[in-house]
Amino acid sequence: MKRRDLALALMGTSLLSTSAWAQQRSFKEGTDYFELRQKVPTEAGPGQVEVIEFFWYSCPHCFQFEPQFAQWMKAPPKNLVVKRVPIAFREDFAPQQRLYYALEALGLVEKLHSVVFNAIHVQKKPLKTDADILSWMGQQAGVDAVKFQQAYQSFGVAAKVRRATQLQNEYRIEGVPSFGIAGRFYTDGSLAGGMPRALQVVESLAALAISGR
């Protein structure tokens, strides 16, 4: 979902594979992706490339893309370090940022990330405020409500929320789902012509980055 749309609504394969290089030749800077003017620091180690998926739980496009992205994450190119970053176009998005990072802190992302999407988009749960989220999490099987609330309100989660907003600004995120690659590149479905092709752009740009080009 684009920021401007929200405002209107008020709401093992190697990265150096032949196929990846073939894809790179077909993708154009300024059309399928753009390169950042200033490089963003990453947490990738030597020989690795960081890939970030920017998302928002209440975004219908993120909900539709999540099954495909989750499947891709099971076996990404071996040199990629992949992570999700929840965005906030407005202050009232922050509770969902804290929700994701609390799940991460408790090791519950794999179990509940898709469940959160389903609750919002299928079951029509709002999950927009602290009270909404804490109440709903207290109803989830296998979740210690006290531990979740402690994580949700922790300094660690608050720090990750601040970093998420910083990354969002550094990558100049205007819509989600979207990708930041290697601290150098940005792409999304609008640029790439759909999210399946955006994943191809991600792999191709990661190959470019790890080659040192």
C-alpha atoms as a PDB file:
ATOM      1  CA  MET A   1       0.000   0.000   0.000  1.00  0.00           C
ATOM      2  CA  LYS A   2       1.345   3.398  -0.977  1.00  0.00           C
ATOM      3  CA  ARG A   3       1.698   6.195   1.563  1.00  0.00           C
ATOM      4  CA  ARG A   4      -0.285   8.479  -0.736  1.00  0.00           C
ATOM      5  CA  ASP A   5      -3.084   5.888  -1.028  1.00  0.00           C
ATOM      6  CA  LEU A   6      -3.257   5.669   2.746  1.00  0.00           C
ATOM      7  CA  ALA A   7      -3.534   9.430   3.014  1.00  0.00           C
ATOM      8  CA  LEU A   8      -6.334   9.541   0.456  1.00  0.00           C
ATOM      9  CA  ALA A   9      -8.179   6.765   2.258  1.00  0.00           C
ATOM     10  CA  LEU A  10      -7.167   8.154   5.657  1.00  0.00           C
ATOM     11  CA  MET A  11      -6.805   5.123   6.764  1.00  0.00           C
ATOM     12  CA  GLY A  12      21.236 -24.334  -2.665  1.00  0.00           C
ATOM     13  CA  THR A  13      21.699 -21.740  -5.250  1.00  0.00           C
ATOM     14  CA  SER A  14      24.559 -19.269  -5.331  1.00  0.00           C
ATOM     15  CA  LEU A  15      23.914 -15.602  -5.766  1.00  0.00           C
ATOM     16  CA  LEU A  16      26.340 -15.753  -8.671  1.00  0.00           C
ATOM     17  CA  SER A  17      24.204 -18.202 -10.647  1.00  0.00           C
ATOM     18  CA  THR A  18      23.905 -17.788 -14.400  1.00  0.00           C
ATOM     19  CA  SER A  19      20.163 -17.189 -14.096  1.00  0.00           C
ATOM     20  CA  ALA A  20      20.719 -14.346 -11.632  1.00  0.00           C
ATOM     21  CA  TRP A  21      23.151 -12.585 -13.940  1.00  0.00           C
ATOM     22  CA  ALA A  22      20.746 -13.086 -16.836  1.00  0.00           C
ATOM     23  CA  GLN A  23      18.007 -11.456 -14.779  1.00  0.00           C
ATOM     24  CA  GLN A  24      20.298  -8.544 -13.921  1.00  0.00           C
ATOM     25  CA  ARG A  25      20.708  -7.711 -17.582  1.00  0.00           C
ATOM     26  CA  SER A  26      16.947  -7.438 -17.942  1.00  0.00           C
ATOM     27  CA  PHE A  27      16.378  -5.129 -14.962  1.00  0.00           C
ATOM     28  CA  LYS A  28      16.881  -1.401 -15.331  1.00  0.00           C
ATOM     29  CA  GLU A  29      17.806   1.185 -12.698  1.00  0.00           C
ATOM     30  CA  GLY A  30      15.103   3.824 -12.500  1.00  0.00           C
ATOM     31  CA  THR A  31      12.509   1.439 -13.913  1.00  0.00           C
ATOM     32  CA  ASP A  32      12.633  -1.831 -11.951  1.00  0.00           C
ATOM     33  CA  TYR A  33      14.545  -0.459  -8.977  1.00  0.00           C
ATOM     34  CA  PHE A  34      16.515   2.551  -7.897  1.00  0.00           C
ATOM     35  CA  GLU A  35      19.884   2.980  -6.241  1.00  0.00           C
ATOM     36  CA  LEU A  36      20.047   5.069  -3.096  1.00  0.00           C
ATOM     37  CA  ARG A  37      22.017   8.295  -3.129  1.00  0.00           C
ATOM     38  CA  GLN A  38      23.519   7.423   0.247  1.00  0.00           C
ATOM     39  CA  LYS A  39      24.272   3.871   1.340  1.00  0.00           C
ATOM     40  CA  VAL A  40      22.472   2.545   4.427  1.00  0.00           C
ATOM     41  CA  PRO A  41      24.540   0.645   7.036  1.00  0.00           C
ATOM     42  CA  THR A  42      23.580  -3.031   7.215  1.00  0.00           C
ATOM     43  CA  GLU A  43      24.010  -5.868   9.691  1.00  0.00           C
ATOM     44  CA  ALA A  44      25.246  -8.372   7.102  1.00  0.00           C
ATOM     45  CA  GLY A  45      28.560 -10.087   7.693  1.00  0.00           C
ATOM     46  CA  PRO A  46      31.427 -10.525   5.205  1.00  0.00           C
ATOM     47  CA  GLY A  47      30.276 -12.183   2.011  1.00  0.00           C
ATOM     48  CA  GLN A  48      26.621 -11.622   2.890  1.00  0.00           C
ATOM     49  CA  VAL A  49      23.919  -9.285   1.629  1.00  0.00           C
ATOM     50  CA  GLU A  50      21.115  -7.911   3.786  1.00  0.00           C
ATOM     51  CA  VAL A  51      17.611  -7.967   2.314  1.00  0.00           C
ATOM     52  CA  ILE A  52      14.786  -6.189   4.148  1.00  0.00           C
ATOM     53  CA  GLU A  53      11.097  -6.673   3.519  1.00  0.00           C
ATOM     54  CA  PHE A  54       9.206  -3.582   4.661  1.00  0.00           C
ATOM     55  CA  PHE A  55       5.611  -4.351   5.607  1.00  0.00           C
ATOM     56  CA  TRP A  56       2.553  -3.207   7.554  1.00  0.00           C
ATOM     57  CA  TYR A  57       0.181  -5.698   9.150  1.00  0.00           C
ATOM     58  CA  SER A  58      -2.920  -3.766   8.083  1.00  0.00           C
ATOM     59  CA  CYS A  59      -1.808  -3.531   4.431  1.00  0.00           C
ATOM     60  CA  PRO A  60      -3.933  -5.824   2.203  1.00  0.00           C
ATOM     61  CA  HIS A  61      -1.093  -6.125  -0.319  1.00  0.00           C
ATOM     62  CA  CYS A  62       1.280  -7.315   2.414  1.00  0.00           C
ATOM     63  CA  PHE A  63      -1.326  -9.849   3.504  1.00  0.00           C
ATOM     64  CA  GLN A  64      -1.629 -11.190  -0.041  1.00  0.00           C
ATOM     65  CA  PHE A  65       2.136 -11.331  -0.516  1.00  0.00           C
ATOM     66  CA  GLU A  66       2.999 -12.916   2.835  1.00  0.00           C
ATOM     67  CA  PRO A  67       2.466 -16.601   1.844  1.00  0.00           C
ATOM     68  CA  GLN A  68       4.773 -16.233  -1.151  1.00  0.00           C
ATOM     69  CA  PHE A  69       7.400 -14.342   0.817  1.00  0.00           C
ATOM     70  CA  ALA A  70       7.263 -16.848   3.675  1.00  0.00           C
ATOM     71  CA  GLN A  71       7.833 -19.666   1.195  1.00  0.00           C
ATOM     72  CA  TRP A  72      10.740 -17.803  -0.408  1.00  0.00           C
ATOM     73  CA  MET A  73      12.298 -17.188   3.014  1.00  0.00           C
ATOM     74  CA  LYS A  74      12.515 -20.936   3.635  1.00  0.00           C
ATOM     75  CA  ALA A  75      15.276 -21.271   1.035  1.00  0.00           C
ATOM     76  CA  PRO A  76      16.628 -17.899  -0.100  1.00  0.00           C
ATOM     77  CA  PRO A  77      19.984 -17.704  -1.901  1.00  0.00           C
ATOM     78  CA  LYS A  78      22.548 -18.799   0.655  1.00  0.00           C
ATOM     79  CA  ASN A  79      24.401 -15.498   0.938  1.00  0.00           C
ATOM     80  CA  LEU A  80      21.310 -13.471   1.874  1.00  0.00           C
ATOM     81  CA  VAL A  81      20.489 -12.266   5.383  1.00  0.00           C
ATOM     82  CA  VAL A  82      16.739 -11.658   5.224  1.00  0.00           C
ATOM     83  CA  LYS A  83      14.679  -9.768   7.767  1.00  0.00           C
ATOM     84  CA  ARG A  84      11.312  -8.068   8.048  1.00  0.00           C
ATOM     85  CA  VAL A  85      10.870  -4.461   9.141  1.00  0.00           C
ATOM     86  CA  PRO A  86       7.426  -3.075  10.083  1.00  0.00           C
ATOM     87  CA  ILE A  87       6.857   0.487   8.890  1.00  0.00           C
ATOM     88  CA  ALA A  88       4.952   3.436  10.354  1.00  0.00           C
ATOM     89  CA  PHE A  89       3.607   6.115   8.033  1.00  0.00           C
ATOM     90  CA  ARG A  90       1.779   7.621  11.015  1.00  0.00           C
ATOM     91  CA  GLU A  91       2.162   7.500  14.775  1.00  0.00           C
ATOM     92  CA  ASP A  92      -0.834   5.185  15.143  1.00  0.00           C
ATOM     93  CA  PHE A  93       1.058   2.474  13.205  1.00  0.00           C
ATOM     94  CA  ALA A  94       3.526   2.128  16.098  1.00  0.00           C
ATOM     95  CA  PRO A  95       1.514  -0.468  18.095  1.00  0.00           C
ATOM     96  CA  GLN A  96       1.802  -2.915  15.193  1.00  0.00           C
ATOM     97  CA  GLN A  97       5.542  -2.257  15.024  1.00  0.00           C
ATOM     98  CA  ARG A  98       5.791  -3.143  18.714  1.00  0.00           C
ATOM     99  CA  LEU A  99       3.628  -6.205  18.085  1.00  0.00           C
ATOM    100  CA  TYR A 100       6.055  -7.580  15.516  1.00  0.00           C
ATOM    101  CA  TYR A 101       9.159  -6.903  17.579  1.00  0.00           C
ATOM    102  CA  ALA A 102       7.582  -8.400  20.703  1.00  0.00           C
ATOM    103  CA  LEU A 103       6.848 -11.563  18.699  1.00  0.00           C
ATOM    104  CA  GLU A 104      10.449 -11.533  17.518  1.00  0.00           C
ATOM    105  CA  ALA A 105      11.785 -11.088  21.055  1.00  0.00           C
ATOM    106  CA  LEU A 106       9.789 -14.109  22.247  1.00  0.00           C
ATOM    107  CA  GLY A 107      10.633 -16.311  19.258  1.00  0.00           C
ATOM    108  CA  LEU A 108       7.008 -16.315  18.080  1.00  0.00           C
ATOM    109  CA  VAL A 109       7.293 -14.827  14.589  1.00  0.00           C
ATOM    110  CA  GLU A 110       7.200 -18.151  12.761  1.00  0.00           C
ATOM    111  CA  LYS A 111       4.201 -19.264  14.798  1.00  0.00           C
ATOM    112  CA  LEU A 112       2.121 -16.074  14.846  1.00  0.00           C
ATOM    113  CA  HIS A 113       3.211 -13.686  12.069  1.00  0.00           C
ATOM    114  CA  SER A 114       0.720 -15.092   9.544  1.00  0.00           C
ATOM    115  CA  VAL A 115      -1.868 -15.474  12.309  1.00  0.00           C
ATOM    116  CA  VAL A 116      -1.736 -11.714  12.923  1.00  0.00           C
ATOM    117  CA  PHE A 117      -2.321 -11.036   9.227  1.00  0.00           C
ATOM    118  CA  ASN A 118      -5.239 -13.474   9.217  1.00  0.00           C
ATOM    119  CA  ALA A 119      -6.784 -11.926  12.332  1.00  0.00           C
ATOM    120  CA  ILE A 120      -6.755  -8.470  10.740  1.00  0.00           C
ATOM    121  CA  HIS A 121      -7.758  -9.284   7.168  1.00  0.00           C
ATOM    122  CA  VAL A 122      -9.966 -12.357   7.553  1.00  0.00           C
ATOM    123  CA  GLN A 123     -11.360 -12.163  11.076  1.00  0.00           C
ATOM    124  CA  LYS A 124     -11.520  -8.344  10.915  1.00  0.00           C
ATOM    125  CA  LYS A 125      -9.829  -7.795  14.263  1.00  0.00           C
ATOM    126  CA  PRO A 126      -8.640  -4.160  14.483  1.00  0.00           C
ATOM    127  CA  LEU A 127      -5.335  -4.737  16.338  1.00  0.00           C
ATOM    128  CA  LYS A 128      -4.555  -1.042  16.057  1.00  0.00           C
ATOM    129  CA  THR A 129      -4.094   0.013  19.664  1.00  0.00           C
ATOM    130  CA  ASP A 130      -2.042  -1.273  22.579  1.00  0.00           C
ATOM    131  CA  ALA A 131      -5.241  -2.463  24.260  1.00  0.00           C
ATOM    132  CA  ASP A 132      -6.426  -4.287  21.113  1.00  0.00           C
ATOM    133  CA  ILE A 133      -3.121  -6.080  20.716  1.00  0.00           C
ATOM    134  CA  LEU A 134      -2.564  -7.028  24.347  1.00  0.00           C
ATOM    135  CA  SER A 135      -6.119  -8.333  24.667  1.00  0.00           C
ATOM    136  CA  TRP A 136      -5.888 -10.399  21.487  1.00  0.00           C
ATOM    137  CA  MET A 137      -2.471 -11.822  22.334  1.00  0.00           C
ATOM    138  CA  GLY A 138      -3.775 -12.907  25.713  1.00  0.00           C
ATOM    139  CA  GLN A 139      -6.252 -15.148  23.871  1.00  0.00           C
ATOM    140  CA  GLN A 140      -3.636 -16.949  21.750  1.00  0.00           C
ATOM    141  CA  ALA A 141      -2.792 -20.507  22.718  1.00  0.00           C
ATOM    142  CA  GLY A 142       0.736 -20.998  23.954  1.00  0.00           C
ATOM    143  CA  VAL A 143       1.345 -17.291  24.573  1.00  0.00           C
ATOM    144  CA  ASP A 144       2.229 -16.083  28.061  1.00  0.00           C
ATOM    145  CA  ALA A 145       0.270 -12.813  28.210  1.00  0.00           C
ATOM    146  CA  VAL A 146       2.463 -11.375  30.969  1.00  0.00           C
ATOM    147  CA  LYS A 147       5.706 -12.113  29.116  1.00  0.00           C
ATOM    148  CA  PHE A 148       4.261 -10.719  25.906  1.00  0.00           C
ATOM    149  CA  GLN A 149       3.241  -7.472  27.606  1.00  0.00           C
ATOM    150  CA  GLN A 150       6.689  -7.163  29.177  1.00  0.00           C
ATOM    151  CA  ALA A 151       8.338  -7.622  25.778  1.00  0.00           C
ATOM    152  CA  TYR A 152       5.859  -5.278  24.089  1.00  0.00           C
ATOM    153  CA  GLN A 153       6.648  -2.498  26.564  1.00  0.00           C
ATOM    154  CA  SER A 154      10.393  -3.199  26.803  1.00  0.00           C
ATOM    155  CA  PHE A 155      13.248  -0.824  25.978  1.00  0.00           C
ATOM    156  CA  GLY A 156      14.573  -3.413  23.520  1.00  0.00           C
ATOM    157  CA  VAL A 157      11.399  -3.346  21.469  1.00  0.00           C
ATOM    158  CA  ALA A 158      11.259   0.457  21.651  1.00  0.00           C
ATOM    159  CA  ALA A 159      14.821   0.613  20.295  1.00  0.00           C
ATOM    160  CA  LYS A 160      13.927  -1.678  17.392  1.00  0.00           C
ATOM    161  CA  VAL A 161      10.899   0.474  16.581  1.00  0.00           C
ATOM    162  CA  ARG A 162      13.135   3.543  16.415  1.00  0.00           C
ATOM    163  CA  ARG A 163      15.568   1.689  14.150  1.00  0.00           C
ATOM    164  CA  ALA A 164      12.695   0.526  11.924  1.00  0.00           C
ATOM    165  CA  THR A 165      11.562   4.105  11.430  1.00  0.00           C
ATOM    166  CA  GLN A 166      15.135   5.149  10.680  1.00  0.00           C
ATOM    167  CA  LEU A 167      15.471   2.414   8.041  1.00  0.00           C
ATOM    168  CA  GLN A 168      12.127   3.380   6.553  1.00  0.00           C
ATOM    169  CA  ASN A 169      13.354   6.944   6.128  1.00  0.00           C
ATOM    170  CA  GLU A 170      16.800   5.974   4.843  1.00  0.00           C
ATOM    171  CA  TYR A 171      15.297   3.722   2.184  1.00  0.00           C
ATOM    172  CA  ARG A 172      12.680   6.407   1.409  1.00  0.00           C
ATOM    173  CA  ILE A 173       9.813   3.935   1.749  1.00  0.00           C
ATOM    174  CA  GLU A 174       6.637   5.201   0.103  1.00  0.00           C
ATOM    175  CA  GLY A 175       4.662   1.961  -0.005  1.00  0.00           C
ATOM    176  CA  VAL A 176       4.598  -1.646   1.140  1.00  0.00           C
ATOM    177  CA  PRO A 177       5.407  -4.425   0.617  1.00  0.00           C
ATOM    178  CA  SER A 178       8.802  -3.293  -0.589  1.00  0.00           C
ATOM    179  CA  PHE A 179      12.460  -4.269  -0.367  1.00  0.00           C
ATOM    180  CA  GLY A 180      15.770  -2.747   0.634  1.00  0.00           C
ATOM    181  CA  ILE A 181      18.789  -4.609  -0.710  1.00  0.00           C
ATOM    182  CA  ALA A 182      22.396  -4.394   0.482  1.00  0.00           C
ATOM    183  CA  GLY A 183      21.877  -0.899   1.862  1.00  0.00           C
ATOM    184  CA  ARG A 184      22.100   0.261  -1.756  1.00  0.00           C
ATOM    185  CA  PHE A 185      18.935  -0.589  -3.660  1.00  0.00           C
ATOM    186  CA  TYR A 186      15.149  -0.296  -3.367  1.00  0.00           C
ATOM    187  CA  THR A 187      12.372  -2.073  -5.259  1.00  0.00           C
ATOM    188  CA  ASP A 188       8.677  -2.834  -4.870  1.00  0.00           C
ATOM    189  CA  GLY A 189       5.797  -4.322  -6.827  1.00  0.00           C
ATOM    190  CA  SER A 190       4.957  -1.061  -8.570  1.00  0.00           C
ATOM    191  CA  LEU A 191       8.490  -0.671  -9.893  1.00  0.00           C
ATOM    192  CA  ALA A 192       9.122  -4.308 -10.741  1.00  0.00           C
ATOM    193  CA  GLY A 193       5.712  -5.057 -12.214  1.00  0.00           C
ATOM    194  CA  GLY A 194       4.411  -7.284  -9.424  1.00  0.00           C
ATOM    195  CA  MET A 195       5.790  -8.854  -6.280  1.00  0.00           C
ATOM    196  CA  PRO A 196       6.909 -12.140  -7.896  1.00  0.00           C
ATOM    197  CA  ARG A 197       9.128 -10.150 -10.246  1.00  0.00           C
ATOM    198  CA  ALA A 198      10.249  -7.948  -7.342  1.00  0.00           C
ATOM    199  CA  LEU A 199      11.725 -11.059  -5.721  1.00  0.00           C
ATOM    200  CA  GLN A 200      13.658 -11.729  -8.925  1.00  0.00           C
ATOM    201  CA  VAL A 201      14.947  -8.157  -8.809  1.00  0.00           C
ATOM    202  CA  VAL A 202      15.986  -8.713  -5.178  1.00  0.00           C
ATOM    203  CA  GLU A 203      18.011 -11.816  -6.046  1.00  0.00           C
ATOM    204  CA  SER A 204      19.597 -10.118  -9.026  1.00  0.00           C
ATOM    205  CA  LEU A 205      20.618  -6.992  -7.098  1.00  0.00           C
ATOM    206  CA  ALA A 206      21.946  -9.134  -4.259  1.00  0.00           C
ATOM    207  CA  ALA A 207      24.122 -10.959  -6.798  1.00  0.00           C
ATOM    208  CA  LEU A 208      25.333  -7.609  -8.067  1.00  0.00           C
ATOM    209  CA  ALA A 209      26.165  -6.439  -4.543  1.00  0.00           C
ATOM    210  CA  ILE A 210      28.048  -9.556  -3.525  1.00  0.00           C
ATOM    211  CA  SER A 211      30.112  -9.456  -6.695  1.00  0.00           C
ATOM    212  CA  GLY A 212      31.417  -6.083  -5.569  1.00  0.00           C
ATOM    213  CA  ARG A 213      29.995  -4.265  -8.564  1.00  0.00           C
END
